[in-house]
């Protein structure tokens, strides 16, 4: 089904709770990651004289060891840059260049802010669920102005830090620059990944919503759509989020933390991915043509259990 309104609004499916993926659904994560990584590797190479190809190969090894491509201590663990003085201090300009590039590239897709604001005003419960780790997900929520727009955020816990380090010891900003002020953040069990429906089932239980009145939107058919269908909720495929710059995807593939086995399993899952019930072809704002959004209080006169 596409995003055209096929029936009068009163006949559209009622949604009282919207759960959304974040990366490549609300913002272009592939681009912001690739843009900032290019800036980091390029500046590091200029400062150190180490070829970019060598730094990239070392970065991939660190990513594989730490299980993420968003590892905050990456620069300090690149073998070519190790010395008496921590690399992140010696090459502070490169780290700042990466942060600047990340900020520059972090922004919502067109229509996302207005659509979420409209749904929020209608009393709809807005929940986000991402497989990305805690720290950088919170940073993107803050950067895009969604702290407080999203009611509850579910993510995996943050990556571990090496012996001798702590998160407090590597943080350079004031304490109030970390975490979220208004959005509640709940951590999911370690190792829990989409398309396992457990998180969606937990959300159904915690909100007390009838699953037919919950919609889930995400950019991956093999993960997001499959998970939503397994949980028995309205599934929406954000097709626009599956179109990334080939050069960005090439860099991500080159530096990924995924093992060959994980890549193989992903290809198999994509090949057998289910067909989505609803499709957003061009943008997040097409949601309002697919569903009738009302808060539980306005829809049936009762208060949501989680309000």
Protein backbone atom coordinates (compact mmCIF):
# COMPACT_ATOMS: atom_id res chain seq x y z
CA UNK A 1 0.00 0.00 0.00
CA UNK A 2 1.39 3.42 -0.84
CA UNK A 3 0.94 6.70 0.99
CA UNK A 4 -2.08 7.98 -0.93
CA UNK A 5 -5.24 8.45 1.09
CA UNK A 6 -7.53 5.73 -0.21
CA UNK A 7 -10.41 6.15 2.25
CA UNK A 8 -12.10 8.95 4.18
CA UNK A 9 -10.08 9.86 7.27
CA UNK A 10 -12.63 8.30 9.62
CA UNK A 11 -12.01 4.93 7.93
CA UNK A 12 -8.22 5.04 8.29
CA UNK A 13 -6.64 2.75 10.90
CA UNK A 14 -6.47 4.39 14.32
CA UNK A 15 -2.99 4.84 15.80
CA UNK A 16 -2.60 5.89 19.44
CA UNK A 17 1.06 4.92 19.88
CA UNK A 18 3.70 5.43 17.21
CA UNK A 19 7.02 3.61 17.58
CA UNK A 20 9.74 4.69 15.19
CA UNK A 21 13.22 3.61 14.27
CA UNK A 22 15.76 6.46 14.22
CA UNK A 23 18.75 5.87 11.93
CA UNK A 24 17.75 6.29 8.26
CA UNK A 25 14.14 6.78 9.34
CA UNK A 26 14.25 10.16 11.09
CA UNK A 27 17.73 11.16 9.89
CA UNK A 28 20.38 9.98 7.41
CA UNK A 29 22.72 8.09 9.71
CA UNK A 30 24.81 6.58 6.93
CA UNK A 31 25.70 10.02 5.59
CA UNK A 32 26.44 11.65 8.94
CA UNK A 33 28.65 8.72 9.98
CA UNK A 34 30.53 8.60 6.66
CA UNK A 35 30.94 12.39 6.50
CA UNK A 36 32.43 12.57 10.00
CA UNK A 37 34.64 9.49 9.50
CA UNK A 38 36.11 10.90 6.29
CA UNK A 39 36.92 14.14 8.09
CA UNK A 40 38.54 12.26 10.97
CA UNK A 41 40.70 9.98 8.82
CA UNK A 42 41.68 12.78 6.44
CA UNK A 43 42.75 15.15 9.21
CA UNK A 44 44.56 12.40 11.11
CA UNK A 45 46.49 11.51 7.96
CA UNK A 46 47.45 15.15 7.36
CA UNK A 47 48.67 15.57 10.94
CA UNK A 48 50.46 12.25 11.36
CA UNK A 49 51.69 11.42 7.88
CA UNK A 50 50.11 7.97 8.13
CA UNK A 51 48.26 7.07 4.89
CA UNK A 52 44.47 7.08 5.08
CA UNK A 53 44.35 3.47 3.87
CA UNK A 54 46.47 2.36 6.85
CA UNK A 55 44.35 4.32 9.33
CA UNK A 56 41.16 2.92 7.78
CA UNK A 57 42.39 -0.67 8.07
CA UNK A 58 43.31 -0.08 11.70
CA UNK A 59 39.96 1.57 12.37
CA UNK A 60 38.16 -1.48 11.03
CA UNK A 61 40.11 -3.73 13.39
CA UNK A 62 39.18 -1.53 16.37
CA UNK A 63 35.54 -1.48 15.29
CA UNK A 64 35.53 -5.27 15.08
CA UNK A 65 37.12 -5.55 18.53
CA UNK A 66 34.68 -3.12 20.13
CA UNK A 67 31.58 -4.23 18.23
CA UNK A 68 30.56 -0.81 16.90
CA UNK A 69 31.51 1.74 14.23
CA UNK A 70 30.75 4.54 16.70
CA UNK A 71 33.53 3.86 19.17
CA UNK A 72 34.35 7.01 21.13
CA UNK A 73 37.97 6.02 21.92
CA UNK A 74 38.88 5.04 18.36
CA UNK A 75 41.75 7.50 17.91
CA UNK A 76 43.50 6.33 21.08
CA UNK A 77 43.43 2.72 19.90
CA UNK A 78 44.82 3.15 16.37
CA UNK A 79 48.23 1.37 16.46
CA UNK A 80 49.95 3.85 14.16
CA UNK A 81 49.16 6.75 16.48
CA UNK A 82 50.07 5.25 19.83
CA UNK A 83 52.62 7.14 21.92
CA UNK A 84 53.38 8.46 25.36
CA UNK A 85 50.77 11.19 24.95
CA UNK A 86 47.25 9.87 24.20
CA UNK A 87 46.50 10.19 20.49
CA UNK A 88 43.22 11.99 21.11
CA UNK A 89 45.23 14.79 22.76
CA UNK A 90 48.05 14.86 20.20
CA UNK A 91 45.55 14.91 17.34
CA UNK A 92 42.92 17.03 19.03
CA UNK A 93 42.31 18.98 15.80
CA UNK A 94 41.26 15.77 14.02
CA UNK A 95 38.85 14.83 16.79
CA UNK A 96 37.33 18.30 16.69
CA UNK A 97 37.06 18.10 12.90
CA UNK A 98 35.14 14.85 13.25
CA UNK A 99 32.78 16.33 15.85
CA UNK A 100 32.21 19.40 13.68
CA UNK A 101 31.44 17.26 10.64
CA UNK A 102 29.07 15.10 12.67
CA UNK A 103 27.16 18.14 13.92
CA UNK A 104 27.02 19.59 10.40
CA UNK A 105 25.55 16.41 8.95
CA UNK A 106 23.09 15.65 11.76
CA UNK A 107 19.61 16.79 10.83
CA UNK A 108 16.11 15.44 10.44
CA UNK A 109 14.74 14.39 7.08
CA UNK A 110 12.28 16.94 5.63
CA UNK A 111 8.84 16.65 7.19
CA UNK A 112 9.90 14.71 10.28
CA UNK A 113 9.79 17.58 12.78
CA UNK A 114 6.40 18.88 11.61
CA UNK A 115 4.86 15.41 11.53
CA UNK A 116 6.06 14.47 15.02
CA UNK A 117 4.86 17.83 16.35
CA UNK A 118 1.42 17.27 14.81
CA UNK A 119 1.17 13.78 16.30
CA UNK A 120 2.37 15.00 19.67
CA UNK A 121 -0.31 17.71 19.65
CA UNK A 122 -2.90 15.01 18.92
CA UNK A 123 -1.95 13.22 22.12
CA UNK A 124 -0.21 10.33 20.37
CA UNK A 125 2.44 8.55 22.42
CA UNK A 126 5.78 8.83 20.56
CA UNK A 127 8.36 6.13 21.21
CA UNK A 128 11.72 5.50 19.51
CA UNK A 129 13.61 2.22 19.33
CA UNK A 130 17.13 2.06 17.91
CA UNK A 131 19.85 -0.57 17.77
CA UNK A 132 22.46 2.19 17.95
CA UNK A 133 24.22 2.61 21.25
CA UNK A 134 23.15 4.91 24.05
CA UNK A 135 25.61 7.82 23.94
CA UNK A 136 25.51 8.82 20.28
CA UNK A 137 21.77 8.17 20.02
CA UNK A 138 21.15 10.59 22.87
CA UNK A 139 23.45 13.13 21.24
CA UNK A 140 21.47 12.94 17.99
CA UNK A 141 18.16 13.24 19.86
CA UNK A 142 19.44 16.44 21.50
CA UNK A 143 20.98 17.78 18.30
CA UNK A 144 17.77 17.36 16.30
CA UNK A 145 15.54 18.94 18.93
CA UNK A 146 13.63 15.74 19.72
CA UNK A 147 14.37 15.66 23.46
CA UNK A 148 10.88 15.84 24.91
CA UNK A 149 9.14 15.35 21.57
CA UNK A 150 9.84 11.64 21.84
CA UNK A 151 8.30 10.35 25.05
CA UNK A 152 10.43 7.25 25.53
CA UNK A 153 13.66 6.08 23.88
CA UNK A 154 14.77 2.45 23.85
CA UNK A 155 18.39 1.64 22.92
CA UNK A 156 21.13 -0.84 23.59
CA UNK A 157 23.53 -0.01 26.42
CA UNK A 158 26.72 1.86 25.54
CA UNK A 159 29.92 0.11 24.53
CA UNK A 160 32.40 -0.87 27.23
CA UNK A 161 35.54 1.15 27.86
CA UNK A 162 39.02 -0.35 28.24
CA UNK A 163 40.53 -1.05 31.65
CA UNK A 164 41.76 2.12 33.28
CA UNK A 165 39.13 4.29 31.61
CA UNK A 166 35.63 5.35 32.61
CA UNK A 167 32.98 7.32 30.75
CA UNK A 168 33.46 10.16 33.22
CA UNK A 169 37.22 10.25 32.57
CA UNK A 170 36.85 10.66 28.81
CA UNK A 171 34.04 13.21 28.83
CA UNK A 172 35.06 16.81 28.21
CA UNK A 173 31.73 18.65 28.32
CA UNK A 174 29.77 19.82 31.38
CA UNK A 175 27.59 17.10 32.98
CA UNK A 176 24.36 18.72 31.75
CA UNK A 177 25.52 18.21 28.15
CA UNK A 178 25.03 14.45 28.48
CA UNK A 179 21.88 12.38 28.61
CA UNK A 180 18.36 13.64 27.95
CA UNK A 181 16.39 16.20 29.90
CA UNK A 182 12.82 15.26 28.97
CA UNK A 183 12.73 12.02 26.98
CA UNK A 184 12.79 8.95 29.19
CA UNK A 185 15.56 6.53 28.20
CA UNK A 186 15.16 2.80 28.75
CA UNK A 187 17.91 0.29 27.97
CA UNK A 188 17.09 -3.03 26.32
CA UNK A 189 18.71 -6.33 27.23
CA UNK A 190 22.20 -6.93 25.87
CA UNK A 191 22.26 -8.93 22.66
CA UNK A 192 18.61 -8.16 21.86
CA UNK A 193 18.41 -7.21 18.19
CA UNK A 194 15.76 -6.68 15.56
CA UNK A 195 13.74 -8.50 14.24
CA UNK A 196 13.24 -10.01 17.71
CA UNK A 197 9.82 -8.59 18.70
CA UNK A 198 10.46 -8.58 22.47
CA UNK A 199 10.96 -4.79 22.72
CA UNK A 200 7.74 -4.07 20.83
CA UNK A 201 5.87 -6.56 23.01
CA UNK A 202 7.34 -4.81 26.05
CA UNK A 203 6.12 -1.45 24.73
CA UNK A 204 2.63 -2.83 24.18
CA UNK A 205 2.57 -4.07 27.78
CA UNK A 206 4.02 -0.88 29.26
CA UNK A 207 1.71 1.48 27.36
CA UNK A 208 -1.37 -0.68 27.71
CA UNK A 209 -2.28 0.03 24.08
CA UNK A 210 -4.20 -2.42 21.92
CA UNK A 211 -1.62 -3.68 19.44
CA UNK A 212 -3.91 -2.88 16.52
CA UNK A 213 -3.60 0.78 17.56
CA UNK A 214 0.20 0.78 17.55
CA UNK A 215 2.19 1.47 14.39
CA UNK A 216 5.89 0.89 13.90
CA UNK A 217 7.93 2.59 11.17
CA UNK A 218 11.48 1.76 10.08
CA UNK A 219 13.73 1.65 7.03
CA UNK A 220 14.64 -2.05 7.05
CA UNK A 221 12.23 -4.65 5.71
CA UNK A 222 14.27 -7.55 7.12
CA UNK A 223 14.52 -6.00 10.59
CA UNK A 224 11.86 -3.35 11.18
CA UNK A 225 9.00 -4.69 9.06
CA UNK A 226 9.66 -8.29 10.09
CA UNK A 227 9.74 -7.30 13.77
CA UNK A 228 6.51 -5.31 13.57
CA UNK A 229 4.69 -8.13 11.81
CA UNK A 230 5.98 -10.65 14.36
CA UNK A 231 4.61 -8.44 17.16
CA UNK A 232 1.24 -8.10 15.42
CA UNK A 233 1.33 -4.31 15.06
CA UNK A 234 0.84 -2.04 12.03
CA UNK A 235 4.07 -2.14 10.02
CA UNK A 236 5.31 0.78 7.93
CA UNK A 237 8.39 0.66 5.71
CA UNK A 238 10.30 3.95 5.34
CA UNK A 239 11.46 3.19 1.81
CA UNK A 240 13.06 6.61 1.41
CA UNK A 241 15.59 5.67 4.12
CA UNK A 242 17.00 2.77 2.15
CA UNK A 243 18.55 5.08 -0.47
CA UNK A 244 22.05 6.06 0.66
CA UNK A 245 24.98 7.55 -1.23
CA UNK A 246 26.97 4.62 -2.74
CA UNK A 247 30.24 6.20 -1.62
CA UNK A 248 28.96 6.43 1.96
CA UNK A 249 27.87 2.79 1.87
CA UNK A 250 31.23 1.75 0.45
CA UNK A 251 33.06 3.41 3.35
CA UNK A 252 30.70 1.85 5.89
CA UNK A 253 31.26 -1.56 4.32
CA UNK A 254 35.03 -1.08 4.43
CA UNK A 255 35.09 -0.08 8.11
CA UNK A 256 32.18 -2.11 9.45
CA UNK A 257 32.43 -4.08 12.69
CA UNK A 258 30.31 -6.82 11.16
CA UNK A 259 31.93 -10.21 10.66
CA UNK A 260 31.61 -12.10 7.33
CA UNK A 261 29.08 -14.37 9.02
CA UNK A 262 26.96 -11.41 10.11
CA UNK A 263 27.06 -9.97 6.59
CA UNK A 264 26.05 -13.35 5.13
CA UNK A 265 23.14 -13.67 7.55
CA UNK A 266 22.04 -10.11 6.72
CA UNK A 267 22.03 -10.87 3.00
CA UNK A 268 19.94 -13.99 3.62
CA UNK A 269 17.50 -12.03 5.78
CA UNK A 270 17.15 -9.33 3.13
CA UNK A 271 16.43 -11.95 0.48
CA UNK A 272 13.53 -13.34 2.51
CA UNK A 273 12.28 -10.05 3.95
CA UNK A 274 8.48 -9.76 4.20
CA UNK A 275 6.44 -7.36 2.10
CA UNK A 276 5.40 -4.30 4.13
CA UNK A 277 1.76 -3.48 4.79
CA UNK A 278 2.32 0.27 4.40
CA UNK A 279 5.06 2.13 2.52
CA UNK A 280 6.40 5.66 2.87
CA UNK A 281 7.91 6.29 -0.56
CA UNK A 282 9.11 9.86 -0.29
CA UNK A 283 9.03 10.98 3.32
CA UNK A 284 8.00 10.52 6.94
CA UNK A 285 5.12 12.99 6.56
CA UNK A 286 3.24 10.48 4.41
CA UNK A 287 2.24 8.77 7.67
CA UNK A 288 -0.63 11.21 8.07
CA UNK A 289 -2.19 9.89 4.86
CA UNK A 290 -2.13 6.32 6.11
CA UNK A 291 -3.51 6.54 9.64
CA UNK A 292 -5.84 8.48 11.89
CA UNK A 293 -3.71 9.66 14.81
CA UNK A 294 -5.42 10.29 18.14
CA UNK A 295 -4.30 10.02 21.74
CA UNK A 296 -6.04 7.44 23.86
CA UNK A 297 -7.86 10.06 25.89
CA UNK A 298 -9.38 11.73 22.83
CA UNK A 299 -10.09 8.41 21.10
CA UNK A 300 -11.89 6.59 23.89
CA UNK A 301 -12.06 8.98 26.82
CA UNK A 302 -9.52 7.10 28.90
CA UNK A 303 -5.99 7.98 29.94
CA UNK A 304 -3.06 5.94 28.66
CA UNK A 305 -1.63 3.73 31.35
CA UNK A 306 1.82 5.20 30.75
CA UNK A 307 0.74 8.85 30.96
